[in-house]
Amino acid sequence: MAIRLPRIVSSKKVPKGYFAVYVGENQKRFVIPVSFLNHPSFQDLLGMSQEEFGYSHPTGGLTIPCNEDTFLEVTSRMY
């Protein structure tokens, strides 16, 4: 049985309907659909980000304070 991974884009240019986030210790960049913003699991990640960084993110972009595996696990359930 294959594991379905989320459709996460890794390009420098952010397509319409997507936004970039930075995840993990290495600040890996993921481009994800804006529809994730309405998902309760992603809102939990946003809450973690707000608690840790407030509204000032070190990369200049939205930083999610969890490891990459956790991020991929959470976002894979959003499709």
N, C-alpha and C. Protein backbone atom coordinates (compact mmCIF):
# COMPACT_ATOMS: atom_id res chain seq x y z
N MET A 1 0.84 -1.17 0.00
CA MET A 1 0.00 0.00 0.00
C MET A 1 0.89 1.24 0.00
N ALA A 2 0.65 2.15 -0.90
CA ALA A 2 1.45 3.36 -1.01
C ALA A 2 0.95 4.42 -0.04
N ILE A 3 1.87 5.22 0.46
CA ILE A 3 1.52 6.35 1.32
C ILE A 3 1.31 7.56 0.44
N ARG A 4 0.19 8.22 0.62
CA ARG A 4 -0.10 9.41 -0.18
C ARG A 4 0.49 10.64 0.50
N LEU A 5 1.47 11.23 -0.13
CA LEU A 5 2.10 12.42 0.41
C LEU A 5 1.35 13.66 -0.07
N PRO A 6 1.35 14.71 0.75
CA PRO A 6 0.65 15.93 0.33
C PRO A 6 1.31 16.55 -0.89
N ARG A 7 0.52 17.26 -1.65
CA ARG A 7 1.04 17.94 -2.83
C ARG A 7 1.65 19.26 -2.37
N ILE A 8 2.91 19.19 -2.04
CA ILE A 8 3.62 20.37 -1.55
C ILE A 8 4.67 20.74 -2.58
N VAL A 9 4.64 21.97 -3.00
CA VAL A 9 5.50 22.46 -4.07
C VAL A 9 6.78 23.02 -3.46
N SER A 10 7.91 22.82 -4.10
CA SER A 10 9.19 23.34 -3.60
C SER A 10 9.81 24.35 -4.55
N SER A 11 9.05 25.18 -5.16
CA SER A 11 9.63 26.14 -6.10
C SER A 11 9.87 27.48 -5.41
N LYS A 12 10.67 28.31 -6.03
CA LYS A 12 10.93 29.64 -5.48
C LYS A 12 9.74 30.56 -5.69
N LYS A 13 9.04 30.37 -6.79
CA LYS A 13 7.89 31.19 -7.10
C LYS A 13 6.65 30.55 -6.48
N VAL A 14 5.84 31.35 -5.80
CA VAL A 14 4.64 30.83 -5.14
C VAL A 14 3.46 31.00 -6.09
N PRO A 15 2.84 29.88 -6.51
CA PRO A 15 1.69 29.98 -7.41
C PRO A 15 0.48 30.60 -6.72
N LYS A 16 -0.41 31.15 -7.52
CA LYS A 16 -1.64 31.72 -6.99
C LYS A 16 -2.39 30.63 -6.23
N GLY A 17 -2.90 30.98 -5.05
CA GLY A 17 -3.65 30.03 -4.24
C GLY A 17 -2.78 29.23 -3.28
N TYR A 18 -1.50 29.57 -3.21
CA TYR A 18 -0.55 28.89 -2.32
C TYR A 18 0.22 29.93 -1.51
N PHE A 19 0.87 29.48 -0.44
CA PHE A 19 1.76 30.36 0.31
C PHE A 19 2.92 29.54 0.87
N ALA A 20 4.00 30.22 1.21
CA ALA A 20 5.21 29.55 1.68
C ALA A 20 5.26 29.55 3.21
N VAL A 21 5.74 28.43 3.75
CA VAL A 21 6.02 28.33 5.18
C VAL A 21 7.40 27.71 5.32
N TYR A 22 8.03 27.95 6.47
CA TYR A 22 9.34 27.40 6.77
C TYR A 22 9.20 26.48 7.98
N VAL A 23 9.77 25.28 7.86
CA VAL A 23 9.53 24.24 8.86
C VAL A 23 10.84 23.60 9.30
N GLY A 24 10.93 23.30 10.59
CA GLY A 24 12.04 22.53 11.13
C GLY A 24 13.27 23.35 11.44
N GLU A 25 14.26 22.66 12.01
CA GLU A 25 15.51 23.31 12.39
C GLU A 25 16.24 23.91 11.21
N ASN A 26 16.15 23.27 10.06
CA ASN A 26 16.83 23.76 8.85
C ASN A 26 16.00 24.74 8.06
N GLN A 27 14.81 25.09 8.58
CA GLN A 27 13.92 26.05 7.93
C GLN A 27 13.62 25.67 6.48
N LYS A 28 13.25 24.40 6.27
CA LYS A 28 12.91 23.95 4.92
C LYS A 28 11.64 24.67 4.47
N ARG A 29 11.65 25.13 3.25
CA ARG A 29 10.54 25.90 2.69
C ARG A 29 9.56 24.96 2.00
N PHE A 30 8.27 25.11 2.36
CA PHE A 30 7.19 24.39 1.71
C PHE A 30 6.19 25.39 1.18
N VAL A 31 5.65 25.12 0.01
CA VAL A 31 4.61 25.96 -0.57
C VAL A 31 3.33 25.12 -0.53
N ILE A 32 2.34 25.62 0.22
CA ILE A 32 1.13 24.83 0.48
C ILE A 32 -0.11 25.61 0.08
N PRO A 33 -1.23 24.91 -0.15
CA PRO A 33 -2.46 25.59 -0.56
C PRO A 33 -3.03 26.48 0.55
N VAL A 34 -3.59 27.62 0.19
CA VAL A 34 -4.21 28.50 1.18
C VAL A 34 -5.42 27.82 1.84
N SER A 35 -5.98 26.81 1.22
CA SER A 35 -7.12 26.09 1.81
C SER A 35 -6.74 25.46 3.14
N PHE A 36 -5.44 25.21 3.37
CA PHE A 36 -4.99 24.65 4.65
C PHE A 36 -5.31 25.59 5.81
N LEU A 37 -5.40 26.89 5.55
CA LEU A 37 -5.64 27.86 6.61
C LEU A 37 -6.94 27.60 7.36
N ASN A 38 -7.91 26.98 6.71
CA ASN A 38 -9.20 26.70 7.35
C ASN A 38 -9.23 25.38 8.09
N HIS A 39 -8.22 24.57 7.96
CA HIS A 39 -8.20 23.25 8.57
C HIS A 39 -7.79 23.35 10.05
N PRO A 40 -8.56 22.73 10.96
CA PRO A 40 -8.24 22.82 12.39
C PRO A 40 -6.83 22.37 12.74
N SER A 41 -6.32 21.33 12.10
CA SER A 41 -4.96 20.86 12.41
C SER A 41 -3.92 21.91 12.03
N PHE A 42 -4.12 22.58 10.89
CA PHE A 42 -3.17 23.62 10.50
C PHE A 42 -3.31 24.83 11.41
N GLN A 43 -4.52 25.12 11.85
CA GLN A 43 -4.71 26.23 12.78
C GLN A 43 -3.98 25.96 14.09
N ASP A 44 -3.90 24.68 14.50
CA ASP A 44 -3.10 24.33 15.68
C ASP A 44 -1.62 24.66 15.44
N LEU A 45 -1.12 24.34 14.24
CA LEU A 45 0.27 24.67 13.91
C LEU A 45 0.49 26.19 13.92
N LEU A 46 -0.49 26.93 13.41
CA LEU A 46 -0.39 28.39 13.42
C LEU A 46 -0.36 28.92 14.85
N GLY A 47 -1.15 28.30 15.73
CA GLY A 47 -1.15 28.71 17.14
C GLY A 47 0.20 28.48 17.79
N MET A 48 0.83 27.34 17.46
CA MET A 48 2.17 27.05 17.97
C MET A 48 3.16 28.10 17.48
N SER A 49 3.01 28.48 16.22
CA SER A 49 3.90 29.48 15.63
C SER A 49 3.73 30.82 16.32
N GLN A 50 2.50 31.21 16.58
CA GLN A 50 2.23 32.48 17.23
C GLN A 50 2.77 32.49 18.66
N GLU A 51 2.64 31.35 19.37
CA GLU A 51 3.17 31.27 20.73
C GLU A 51 4.69 31.40 20.75
N GLU A 52 5.35 30.76 19.79
CA GLU A 52 6.81 30.77 19.79
C GLU A 52 7.42 32.05 19.22
N PHE A 53 6.84 32.56 18.14
CA PHE A 53 7.45 33.69 17.44
C PHE A 53 6.65 34.98 17.51
N GLY A 54 5.42 34.93 17.99
CA GLY A 54 4.56 36.11 17.93
C GLY A 54 4.28 36.41 16.48
N TYR A 55 4.40 37.66 16.11
CA TYR A 55 4.17 38.03 14.71
C TYR A 55 5.45 38.45 14.02
N SER A 56 6.58 38.09 14.62
CA SER A 56 7.88 38.39 14.04
C SER A 56 8.59 37.07 13.75
N HIS A 57 8.67 36.71 12.50
CA HIS A 57 9.27 35.44 12.12
C HIS A 57 10.70 35.66 11.61
N PRO A 58 11.63 34.81 12.07
CA PRO A 58 13.06 35.02 11.76
C PRO A 58 13.40 34.96 10.28
N THR A 59 12.64 34.22 9.48
CA THR A 59 12.96 34.10 8.06
C THR A 59 12.29 35.17 7.22
N GLY A 60 11.41 35.94 7.85
CA GLY A 60 10.63 36.91 7.09
C GLY A 60 9.36 36.29 6.55
N GLY A 61 9.26 34.97 6.63
CA GLY A 61 8.06 34.24 6.21
C GLY A 61 7.49 33.51 7.40
N LEU A 62 6.36 32.88 7.21
CA LEU A 62 5.70 32.14 8.28
C LEU A 62 6.52 30.91 8.65
N THR A 63 6.91 30.82 9.92
CA THR A 63 7.71 29.71 10.42
C THR A 63 6.85 28.82 11.29
N ILE A 64 6.85 27.52 11.00
CA ILE A 64 6.09 26.55 11.78
C ILE A 64 7.10 25.81 12.67
N PRO A 65 6.93 25.91 14.01
CA PRO A 65 7.92 25.34 14.93
C PRO A 65 7.67 23.85 15.23
N CYS A 66 7.84 23.02 14.23
CA CYS A 66 7.77 21.57 14.43
C CYS A 66 8.76 20.94 13.45
N ASN A 67 9.04 19.65 13.62
CA ASN A 67 9.97 19.03 12.68
C ASN A 67 9.25 18.72 11.36
N GLU A 68 10.03 18.49 10.34
CA GLU A 68 9.49 18.28 9.00
C GLU A 68 8.57 17.06 8.94
N ASP A 69 8.93 15.98 9.64
CA ASP A 69 8.10 14.77 9.63
C ASP A 69 6.72 15.04 10.21
N THR A 70 6.66 15.77 11.31
CA THR A 70 5.37 16.11 11.91
C THR A 70 4.55 16.97 10.97
N PHE A 71 5.19 17.95 10.36
CA PHE A 71 4.50 18.83 9.41
C PHE A 71 3.91 18.02 8.25
N LEU A 72 4.71 17.12 7.68
CA LEU A 72 4.23 16.30 6.57
C LEU A 72 3.11 15.37 7.00
N GLU A 73 3.20 14.85 8.21
CA GLU A 73 2.15 13.97 8.72
C GLU A 73 0.84 14.74 8.88
N VAL A 74 0.91 15.93 9.46
CA VAL A 74 -0.30 16.74 9.66
C VAL A 74 -0.89 17.16 8.33
N THR A 75 -0.07 17.67 7.44
CA THR A 75 -0.59 18.18 6.17
C THR A 75 -1.07 17.04 5.25
N SER A 76 -0.52 15.84 5.40
CA SER A 76 -0.97 14.73 4.54
C SER A 76 -2.42 14.35 4.84
N ARG A 77 -2.91 14.68 6.03
CA ARG A 77 -4.29 14.38 6.40
C ARG A 77 -5.27 15.45 5.94
N MET A 78 -4.79 16.50 5.33
CA MET A 78 -5.66 17.61 4.93
C MET A 78 -6.22 17.49 3.53
N TYR A 79 -5.80 16.50 2.80
CA TYR A 79 -6.27 16.36 1.42
C TYR A 79 -7.50 15.50 1.35
